[in-house]
């Protein structure tokens, strides 16, 4: 039974799925029928072929258990989880409403303190107008870990979200991304512009130009625990909030539950060990920015939403936030796209959409509805330039010197031939 122990331990540890014994037995029966497990009398580990057959069978059984019984400890705000397989990895998502599909992508570090739960205050309101899908990113929340270490990158996240849209056959969607999720939505719209009806980017994110010299902002992590651990990541998220009610106990309870699952710990361990470091993000980011600014790749309507008190876009020496990073991204996109708008929400921080959900929902809905009603973009304007053709008008003639109050071409009171002179002459003739 050595092979059985290997299969069960390896698979369950990797996926962190609770598989009932009867379901395991059914899976084992299927594998034995297919020759997927060696006889107990045969020593040594299973072959690669038998591993693959066994893993596929267990994945089929585990997938049914997860989809039928999502863990309520991970859910908040009355939302209910769904799962779909994306490139061999289970993706957890929330779905609500009808209408045009709108996909929301959360921010945060991979396997950190951020999931689709962050949109819990927005989903019910947006569902009145859109078919909303809020998905846990790769290795975050209840979604599975990457199958390859090379996918612990922004490109891996982009491919995962693109695969999610394809798996659910959503077609063109309205993309909404927050912080790091905004970067993913941004890069996804560049690589696959055909799937983005509109693009909305929330808050300062890694795709933005640097907000301050040496990237020194008001975010001070010196009092937070090690950022390689959940407690440090949670502290960072809490410091990005502006209002005292940005997050509540229900949010933190579900967040900690998901972030301390074995699969989440495994993902953070891999990241700390160097998974994905071969990916040159700075070169990737600059290539994308250059492509948008110089080639005008993004031509869909784009909305940037900033919180005026976002400490990630607030220079350490600035009295008030200048939002230099978000304005920098606005300039890049608007260089070749006239369908770009920016909204700044006062008294809001990095999570302004969660702090002011009704206001944000109204802004987003109005933005999308406006561009659907008036889809034609205005022509690109420019500063007026002095004419250079031979048909240029002649220089203006200097105005004649006049007394104050004199209007050219009209009789003036008190001037020769003016109204006052004429009246006096007539009065003299009449002996007055």
Protein backbone atom coordinates (compact mmCIF):
# COMPACT_ATOMS: atom_id res chain seq x y z
CA UNK A 1 0.00 0.00 0.00
CA UNK A 2 3.03 2.26 -0.32
CA UNK A 3 1.67 3.72 -3.56
CA UNK A 4 -1.70 4.50 -1.97
CA UNK A 5 -0.03 6.44 0.84
CA UNK A 6 2.07 8.35 -1.67
CA UNK A 7 -0.96 9.33 -3.77
CA UNK A 8 -3.12 10.45 -0.90
CA UNK A 9 -0.44 12.37 0.98
CA UNK A 10 1.00 14.02 -2.11
CA UNK A 11 -2.31 15.07 -3.62
CA UNK A 12 -4.12 16.22 -0.50
CA UNK A 13 -1.12 18.16 0.79
CA UNK A 14 -0.72 19.94 -2.51
CA UNK A 15 -4.36 20.79 -3.05
CA UNK A 16 -5.50 21.07 0.57
CA UNK A 17 -8.78 19.35 -0.29
CA UNK A 18 -10.72 17.28 2.18
CA UNK A 19 -11.70 14.13 0.30
CA UNK A 20 -14.15 11.77 2.02
CA UNK A 21 -12.91 8.19 2.39
CA UNK A 22 -15.71 6.79 0.25
CA UNK A 23 -14.74 9.13 -2.59
CA UNK A 24 -11.10 8.10 -2.27
CA UNK A 25 -12.19 4.48 -2.44
CA UNK A 26 -14.15 5.12 -5.62
CA UNK A 27 -11.16 6.85 -7.14
CA UNK A 28 -8.86 4.00 -6.16
CA UNK A 29 -11.23 1.52 -7.74
CA UNK A 30 -11.08 3.43 -10.97
CA UNK A 31 -7.29 3.57 -10.85
CA UNK A 32 -6.95 -0.14 -10.08
CA UNK A 33 -9.18 -0.95 -13.01
CA UNK A 34 -6.94 1.12 -15.22
CA UNK A 35 -3.70 -0.24 -13.83
CA UNK A 36 -2.93 3.05 -12.10
CA UNK A 37 -1.51 1.52 -8.90
CA UNK A 38 1.15 -1.10 -8.62
CA UNK A 39 0.43 -4.29 -6.69
CA UNK A 40 1.40 -4.03 -3.03
CA UNK A 41 3.95 -6.81 -3.51
CA UNK A 42 5.91 -4.66 -5.97
CA UNK A 43 8.38 -2.43 -4.10
CA UNK A 44 9.40 1.08 -5.14
CA UNK A 45 7.55 4.27 -6.00
CA UNK A 46 4.88 4.35 -8.70
CA UNK A 47 5.80 5.10 -12.27
CA UNK A 48 5.17 8.51 -13.83
CA UNK A 49 2.39 7.07 -15.94
CA UNK A 50 0.61 5.59 -12.91
CA UNK A 51 1.11 8.85 -11.00
CA UNK A 52 -0.53 10.79 -13.80
CA UNK A 53 -3.49 8.39 -14.02
CA UNK A 54 -3.96 8.43 -10.28
CA UNK A 55 -3.71 12.18 -10.00
CA UNK A 56 -6.27 12.70 -12.77
CA UNK A 57 -8.71 10.33 -11.10
CA UNK A 58 -8.33 11.95 -7.69
CA UNK A 59 -8.66 15.41 -9.24
CA UNK A 60 -11.97 14.44 -10.78
CA UNK A 61 -13.27 13.20 -7.42
CA UNK A 62 -11.85 16.15 -5.47
CA UNK A 63 -13.31 18.65 -7.93
CA UNK A 64 -16.82 17.34 -7.35
CA UNK A 65 -16.39 17.60 -3.56
CA UNK A 66 -15.14 21.18 -3.75
CA UNK A 67 -17.81 22.42 -6.13
CA UNK A 68 -20.63 20.80 -4.14
CA UNK A 69 -19.35 21.86 -0.71
CA UNK A 70 -17.45 25.18 -0.78
CA UNK A 71 -16.03 26.04 2.62
CA UNK A 72 -18.22 28.68 4.32
CA UNK A 73 -15.25 29.82 6.43
CA UNK A 74 -13.86 31.49 3.32
CA UNK A 75 -17.03 33.39 2.42
CA UNK A 76 -18.35 36.75 3.63
CA UNK A 77 -21.21 39.13 2.92
CA UNK A 78 -23.66 36.37 2.09
CA UNK A 79 -21.67 35.45 -1.05
CA UNK A 80 -21.36 31.82 -2.14
CA UNK A 81 -18.31 30.31 -3.82
CA UNK A 82 -18.15 28.56 -7.15
CA UNK A 83 -15.23 26.73 -8.75
CA UNK A 84 -14.03 26.18 -12.29
CA UNK A 85 -10.90 24.50 -13.62
CA UNK A 86 -8.49 26.88 -15.33
CA UNK A 87 -5.52 25.26 -17.05
CA UNK A 88 -5.53 22.41 -14.54
CA UNK A 89 -5.98 24.65 -11.48
CA UNK A 90 -9.18 25.21 -9.52
CA UNK A 91 -10.32 28.85 -9.50
CA UNK A 92 -12.70 30.06 -6.77
CA UNK A 93 -15.06 32.88 -7.78
CA UNK A 94 -18.25 34.67 -6.84
CA UNK A 95 -21.01 35.16 -9.40
CA UNK A 96 -24.03 37.46 -9.15
CA UNK A 97 -26.50 39.29 -11.37
CA UNK A 98 -27.29 39.23 -15.06
CA UNK A 99 -26.34 41.41 -17.99
CA UNK A 100 -22.94 42.18 -19.47
CA UNK A 101 -20.10 40.26 -17.82
CA UNK A 102 -17.88 42.23 -15.46
CA UNK A 103 -14.75 40.55 -14.08
CA UNK A 104 -13.18 41.89 -10.86
CA UNK A 105 -9.55 41.10 -9.99
CA UNK A 106 -8.26 41.67 -6.45
CA UNK A 107 -4.84 43.00 -5.55
CA UNK A 108 -2.30 42.05 -2.91
CA UNK A 109 0.67 39.73 -3.00
CA UNK A 110 0.30 36.17 -4.25
CA UNK A 111 -0.97 33.93 -1.44
CA UNK A 112 -1.14 37.03 0.72
CA UNK A 113 -3.85 38.94 2.51
CA UNK A 114 -6.22 39.72 -0.37
CA UNK A 115 -8.90 37.74 -2.16
CA UNK A 116 -12.14 38.24 -4.06
CA UNK A 117 -13.71 38.94 -0.65
CA UNK A 118 -12.42 42.50 -0.93
CA UNK A 119 -15.26 43.23 -3.38
CA UNK A 120 -17.99 41.94 -1.05
CA UNK A 121 -19.48 45.42 -0.58
CA UNK A 122 -19.57 46.13 -4.32
CA UNK A 123 -20.86 42.89 -5.81
CA UNK A 124 -24.53 43.16 -4.71
CA UNK A 125 -24.93 46.69 -6.08
CA UNK A 126 -23.09 46.04 -9.34
CA UNK A 127 -25.13 42.86 -9.85
CA UNK A 128 -28.20 45.04 -10.41
CA UNK A 129 -26.65 46.11 -13.73
CA UNK A 130 -23.95 43.55 -14.59
CA UNK A 131 -23.22 39.82 -14.51
CA UNK A 132 -20.44 40.06 -11.92
CA UNK A 133 -17.55 37.59 -11.54
CA UNK A 134 -15.01 38.19 -8.75
CA UNK A 135 -12.22 35.62 -8.88
CA UNK A 136 -9.41 34.61 -6.53
CA UNK A 137 -6.11 35.01 -8.33
CA UNK A 138 -3.64 32.18 -8.80
CA UNK A 139 -2.53 30.78 -5.39
CA UNK A 140 -4.71 33.34 -3.57
CA UNK A 141 -7.81 32.78 -1.49
CA UNK A 142 -9.34 29.41 -2.32
CA UNK A 143 -7.85 29.15 -5.82
CA UNK A 144 -5.19 26.53 -6.37
CA UNK A 145 -1.44 27.02 -6.60
CA UNK A 146 0.39 27.15 -9.94
CA UNK A 147 1.36 23.83 -11.45
CA UNK A 148 4.74 25.32 -12.43
CA UNK A 149 7.02 27.59 -10.42
CA UNK A 150 7.43 29.78 -13.50
CA UNK A 151 3.79 30.81 -13.15
CA UNK A 152 4.44 32.67 -9.88
CA UNK A 153 4.67 35.84 -11.96
CA UNK A 154 2.46 38.58 -13.36
CA UNK A 155 2.46 36.76 -16.68
CA UNK A 156 1.20 33.68 -14.89
CA UNK A 157 -1.58 35.74 -13.32
CA UNK A 158 -2.51 37.25 -16.69
CA UNK A 159 -2.73 33.81 -18.27
CA UNK A 160 -4.82 32.55 -15.35
CA UNK A 161 -7.41 35.34 -15.61
CA UNK A 162 -7.53 34.98 -19.39
CA UNK A 163 -8.07 31.23 -18.94
CA UNK A 164 -10.82 31.94 -16.40
CA UNK A 165 -12.69 34.13 -18.92
CA UNK A 166 -12.27 31.47 -21.58
CA UNK A 167 -13.32 28.61 -19.29
CA UNK A 168 -16.62 30.33 -18.49
CA UNK A 169 -17.05 31.44 -22.13
CA UNK A 170 -17.73 35.01 -21.05
CA UNK A 171 -16.63 36.66 -24.29
CA UNK A 172 -15.72 40.37 -24.16
CA UNK A 173 -15.97 41.61 -20.56
CA UNK A 174 -15.63 44.77 -18.52
CA UNK A 175 -12.34 44.37 -16.64
CA UNK A 176 -11.96 45.86 -13.15
CA UNK A 177 -8.70 45.42 -11.26
CA UNK A 178 -7.46 46.78 -7.94
CA UNK A 179 -3.81 47.52 -7.15
CA UNK A 180 -1.82 44.46 -8.31
CA UNK A 181 -5.07 43.22 -9.84
CA UNK A 182 -5.16 46.49 -11.78
CA UNK A 183 -1.75 45.64 -13.20
CA UNK A 184 -3.05 42.21 -14.23
CA UNK A 185 -6.13 43.75 -15.88
CA UNK A 186 -3.88 46.33 -17.60
CA UNK A 187 -1.50 43.72 -19.00
CA UNK A 188 -4.38 41.41 -19.96
CA UNK A 189 -6.05 44.21 -21.94
CA UNK A 190 -2.76 44.86 -23.75
CA UNK A 191 -2.13 41.21 -24.63
CA UNK A 192 -5.79 40.39 -25.41
CA UNK A 193 -7.55 43.66 -26.29
CA UNK A 194 -10.38 41.76 -27.96
CA UNK A 195 -11.75 40.57 -24.61
CA UNK A 196 -11.88 43.97 -22.87
CA UNK A 197 -14.96 46.12 -23.50
CA UNK A 198 -13.72 48.58 -20.90
CA UNK A 199 -10.82 48.68 -18.46
CA UNK A 200 -11.04 50.10 -14.94
CA UNK A 201 -7.93 50.35 -12.75
CA UNK A 202 -8.33 51.09 -9.05
CA UNK A 203 -5.64 52.69 -6.88
CA UNK A 204 -1.88 52.78 -7.12
CA UNK A 205 -0.38 49.54 -8.43
CA UNK A 206 2.86 48.01 -9.70
CA UNK A 207 2.00 49.02 -13.29
CA UNK A 208 2.17 52.73 -12.41
CA UNK A 209 5.27 54.88 -12.86
CA UNK A 210 7.12 55.50 -9.59
CA UNK A 211 5.03 57.87 -7.41
CA UNK A 212 7.92 59.56 -5.61
CA UNK A 213 11.74 59.90 -5.73
CA UNK A 214 13.31 56.59 -4.69
CA UNK A 215 9.73 55.30 -4.36
CA UNK A 216 9.54 56.55 -0.75
CA UNK A 217 5.89 56.80 0.23
CA UNK A 218 3.89 57.28 3.41
CA UNK A 219 3.48 53.53 3.82
CA UNK A 220 5.65 52.67 6.82
CA UNK A 221 6.07 48.95 7.39
CA UNK A 222 8.69 49.28 10.12
CA UNK A 223 6.13 48.33 12.78
CA UNK A 224 4.76 45.35 10.82
CA UNK A 225 5.99 41.76 11.21
CA UNK A 226 8.03 40.05 8.50
CA UNK A 227 6.34 40.44 5.12
CA UNK A 228 7.11 36.83 4.27
CA UNK A 229 4.50 35.76 6.83
CA UNK A 230 0.73 36.24 6.86
CA UNK A 231 0.80 38.51 9.91
CA UNK A 232 3.10 40.91 8.09
CA UNK A 233 0.94 40.91 4.98
CA UNK A 234 -2.19 41.49 7.05
CA UNK A 235 -0.52 44.43 8.82
CA UNK A 236 0.38 45.95 5.45
CA UNK A 237 -3.21 45.71 4.18
CA UNK A 238 -4.54 47.25 7.40
CA UNK A 239 -2.16 50.20 7.01
CA UNK A 240 -3.46 50.84 3.49
CA UNK A 241 -6.99 51.37 4.80
CA UNK A 242 -8.11 54.96 5.40
CA UNK A 243 -11.37 54.58 7.31
CA UNK A 244 -11.78 52.63 10.56
CA UNK A 245 -14.53 50.46 9.03
CA UNK A 246 -12.67 49.50 5.85
CA UNK A 247 -12.36 45.94 7.16
CA UNK A 248 -14.40 44.18 9.82
CA UNK A 249 -14.04 41.01 11.91
CA UNK A 250 -15.87 38.88 9.34
CA UNK A 251 -13.40 39.95 6.66
CA UNK A 252 -10.30 39.26 8.76
CA UNK A 253 -11.59 35.89 9.98
CA UNK A 254 -12.11 34.58 6.44
CA UNK A 255 -8.88 36.18 5.26
CA UNK A 256 -6.78 34.48 7.94
CA UNK A 257 -8.47 31.13 7.34
CA UNK A 258 -7.58 31.15 3.64
CA UNK A 259 -4.09 32.59 4.06
CA UNK A 260 -3.12 29.93 6.60
CA UNK A 261 -4.28 26.93 4.56
CA UNK A 262 -1.46 24.47 3.76
CA UNK A 263 -1.63 25.32 0.06
CA UNK A 264 -1.22 29.05 0.87
CA UNK A 265 1.76 28.37 3.14
CA UNK A 266 3.29 26.21 0.42
CA UNK A 267 2.89 28.99 -2.13
CA UNK A 268 4.52 31.59 0.16
CA UNK A 269 7.36 29.18 0.90
CA UNK A 270 7.98 28.76 -2.82
CA UNK A 271 7.93 32.52 -3.37
CA UNK A 272 10.35 33.06 -0.49
CA UNK A 273 12.60 30.37 -1.96
CA UNK A 274 12.76 32.21 -5.28
CA UNK A 275 9.92 30.88 -7.43
CA UNK A 276 9.26 33.23 -10.34
CA UNK A 277 12.37 35.36 -9.82
CA UNK A 278 13.67 34.58 -13.29
CA UNK A 279 10.85 36.77 -14.61
CA UNK A 280 12.21 40.29 -15.24
CA UNK A 281 9.23 42.35 -14.12
CA UNK A 282 10.86 45.76 -14.61
CA UNK A 283 11.64 45.02 -18.25
CA UNK A 284 8.15 43.56 -18.73
CA UNK A 285 6.53 46.63 -17.16
CA UNK A 286 8.53 49.09 -19.24
CA UNK A 287 7.77 47.21 -22.44
CA UNK A 288 4.06 47.38 -21.69
CA UNK A 289 4.13 51.09 -20.84
CA UNK A 290 6.09 51.89 -24.01
CA UNK A 291 3.68 49.86 -26.10
CA UNK A 292 0.66 51.74 -24.74
CA UNK A 293 2.23 55.21 -24.94
CA UNK A 294 3.95 54.87 -28.31
CA UNK A 295 1.69 52.46 -30.19
CA UNK A 296 -1.69 53.23 -28.63
CA UNK A 297 -2.41 49.57 -27.88
CA UNK A 298 -5.23 50.35 -25.46
CA UNK A 299 -8.15 51.85 -27.37
CA UNK A 300 -11.04 50.70 -25.19
CA UNK A 301 -12.54 53.17 -22.69
CA UNK A 302 -10.30 53.31 -19.61
CA UNK A 303 -11.26 54.57 -16.15
CA UNK A 304 -8.71 55.24 -13.42
CA UNK A 305 -10.07 55.59 -9.89
CA UNK A 306 -7.86 56.98 -7.14
CA UNK A 307 -8.30 57.47 -3.42
CA UNK A 308 -7.03 60.92 -2.47
CA UNK A 309 -5.46 59.46 0.66
CA UNK A 310 -3.78 56.41 -0.86
CA UNK A 311 -0.50 56.14 1.05
CA UNK A 312 1.03 54.10 -1.79
CA UNK A 313 0.78 57.20 -3.99
CA UNK A 314 1.66 59.72 -1.29
CA UNK A 315 5.28 60.86 -1.17
CA UNK A 316 6.82 60.78 2.29
CA UNK A 317 7.73 64.48 2.04
CA UNK A 318 4.40 65.64 0.56
CA UNK A 319 1.92 67.41 2.82
CA UNK A 320 -0.94 65.95 0.77
CA UNK A 321 -0.95 63.11 -1.73
CA UNK A 322 -0.13 64.29 -5.27
CA UNK A 323 -1.09 60.95 -6.85
CA UNK A 324 1.97 61.16 -9.09
CA UNK A 325 1.95 57.45 -9.92
CA UNK A 326 -1.68 57.37 -11.01
CA UNK A 327 -1.37 60.63 -12.93
CA UNK A 328 1.71 59.16 -14.61
CA UNK A 329 -0.28 56.15 -15.80
CA UNK A 330 -3.06 58.46 -16.97
CA UNK A 331 -0.54 60.35 -19.13
CA UNK A 332 0.79 57.11 -20.63
CA UNK A 333 -2.64 55.76 -21.60
CA UNK A 334 -4.03 59.13 -22.73
CA UNK A 335 -1.10 59.74 -25.09
CA UNK A 336 -2.91 57.75 -27.80
CA UNK A 337 -6.37 57.19 -26.32
CA UNK A 338 -8.97 59.94 -25.89
CA UNK A 339 -11.39 57.66 -24.03
CA UNK A 340 -9.56 57.88 -20.71
CA UNK A 341 -11.06 59.36 -17.56
CA UNK A 342 -9.89 59.65 -13.97
CA UNK A 343 -11.95 59.99 -10.80
CA UNK A 344 -10.48 60.94 -7.43
CA UNK A 345 -12.54 59.97 -4.39
CA UNK A 346 -11.86 62.18 -1.39
CA UNK A 347 -11.58 60.73 2.12
CA UNK A 348 -10.66 57.41 0.55
CA UNK A 349 -7.50 55.36 0.68
CA UNK A 350 -6.12 52.41 -1.24
CA UNK A 351 -9.47 50.61 -0.85
CA UNK A 352 -11.67 53.57 -1.79
CA UNK A 353 -14.18 51.31 -3.57
CA UNK A 354 -14.73 49.36 -0.37
CA UNK A 355 -14.81 52.49 1.80
CA UNK A 356 -17.38 54.20 -0.45
CA UNK A 357 -19.10 51.28 -2.25
CA UNK A 358 -22.29 53.04 -3.42
CA UNK A 359 -20.37 56.04 -4.73
CA UNK A 360 -17.86 53.87 -6.55
CA UNK A 361 -20.54 51.61 -8.04
CA UNK A 362 -22.36 54.66 -9.39
CA UNK A 363 -19.18 56.07 -10.97
CA UNK A 364 -18.31 52.75 -12.61
CA UNK A 365 -21.84 52.15 -13.94
CA UNK A 366 -22.10 55.69 -15.32
CA UNK A 367 -18.71 55.40 -17.01
CA UNK A 368 -19.62 52.15 -18.77
CA UNK A 369 -23.11 53.33 -19.73
CA UNK A 370 -21.77 56.61 -21.12
CA UNK A 371 -19.32 54.96 -23.49
CA UNK A 372 -21.93 52.46 -24.63
CA UNK A 373 -24.26 55.33 -25.47
CA UNK A 374 -21.54 57.44 -27.11
CA UNK A 375 -19.00 54.93 -28.44
CA UNK A 376 -17.18 57.28 -30.84
CA UNK A 377 -14.01 58.70 -29.37
CA UNK A 378 -13.25 62.40 -29.87
CA UNK A 379 -10.36 63.25 -32.16
CA UNK A 380 -6.97 63.83 -30.60
CA UNK A 381 -6.45 67.54 -29.96
CA UNK A 382 -3.23 69.50 -29.84
CA UNK A 383 -1.91 72.95 -29.04
CA UNK A 384 -2.54 75.50 -31.87
CA UNK A 385 0.53 76.27 -33.96
CA UNK A 386 1.33 79.53 -35.82
CA UNK A 387 0.40 79.36 -39.55
CA UNK A 388 3.30 78.94 -41.96
CA UNK A 389 1.54 79.09 -45.37
CA UNK A 390 1.62 82.10 -47.74
CA UNK A 391 -2.06 82.63 -47.03
CA UNK A 392 -1.34 83.75 -43.51
CA UNK A 393 -3.16 86.95 -42.52
CA UNK A 394 -1.16 90.18 -42.57
CA UNK A 395 0.06 91.55 -39.27
CA UNK A 396 -2.43 93.63 -37.36
CA UNK A 397 -2.30 97.40 -37.98
CA UNK A 398 -1.50 99.50 -34.93
CA UNK A 399 -4.52 101.19 -33.40
CA UNK A 400 -4.69 105.02 -33.78
CA UNK A 401 -4.01 107.15 -30.75
CA UNK A 402 -7.29 108.25 -29.19
CA UNK A 403 -8.55 110.00 -26.14
CA UNK A 404 -9.82 107.77 -23.36
CA UNK A 405 -13.35 106.60 -24.00
CA UNK A 406 -13.23 107.20 -27.78
CA UNK A 407 -14.89 104.48 -29.86
CA UNK A 408 -13.63 104.31 -33.49
CA UNK A 409 -16.27 104.99 -36.19
CA UNK A 410 -18.81 106.63 -33.92
CA UNK A 411 -19.59 110.25 -33.12
CA UNK A 412 -18.25 111.00 -29.71
CA UNK A 413 -19.65 113.25 -27.04
CA UNK A 414 -17.48 116.33 -26.60
CA UNK A 415 -15.50 115.81 -29.84
CA UNK A 416 -15.61 118.01 -33.00
CA UNK A 417 -18.57 116.90 -35.10
CA UNK A 418 -19.80 114.81 -32.21
CA UNK A 419 -23.16 114.83 -30.59
CA UNK A 420 -22.35 117.59 -28.08
CA UNK A 421 -20.87 119.94 -30.73
CA UNK A 422 -23.82 119.46 -33.03
CA UNK A 423 -26.32 120.20 -30.30
CA UNK A 424 -24.48 123.39 -29.28
CA UNK A 425 -24.32 124.74 -32.86
CA UNK A 426 -28.01 124.14 -33.40
CA UNK A 427 -28.83 125.85 -30.13
CA UNK A 428 -26.80 128.92 -31.26
CA UNK A 429 -28.69 129.13 -34.50
CA UNK A 430 -31.93 129.18 -32.61
CA UNK A 431 -30.71 131.95 -30.29
CA UNK A 432 -30.67 129.74 -27.27
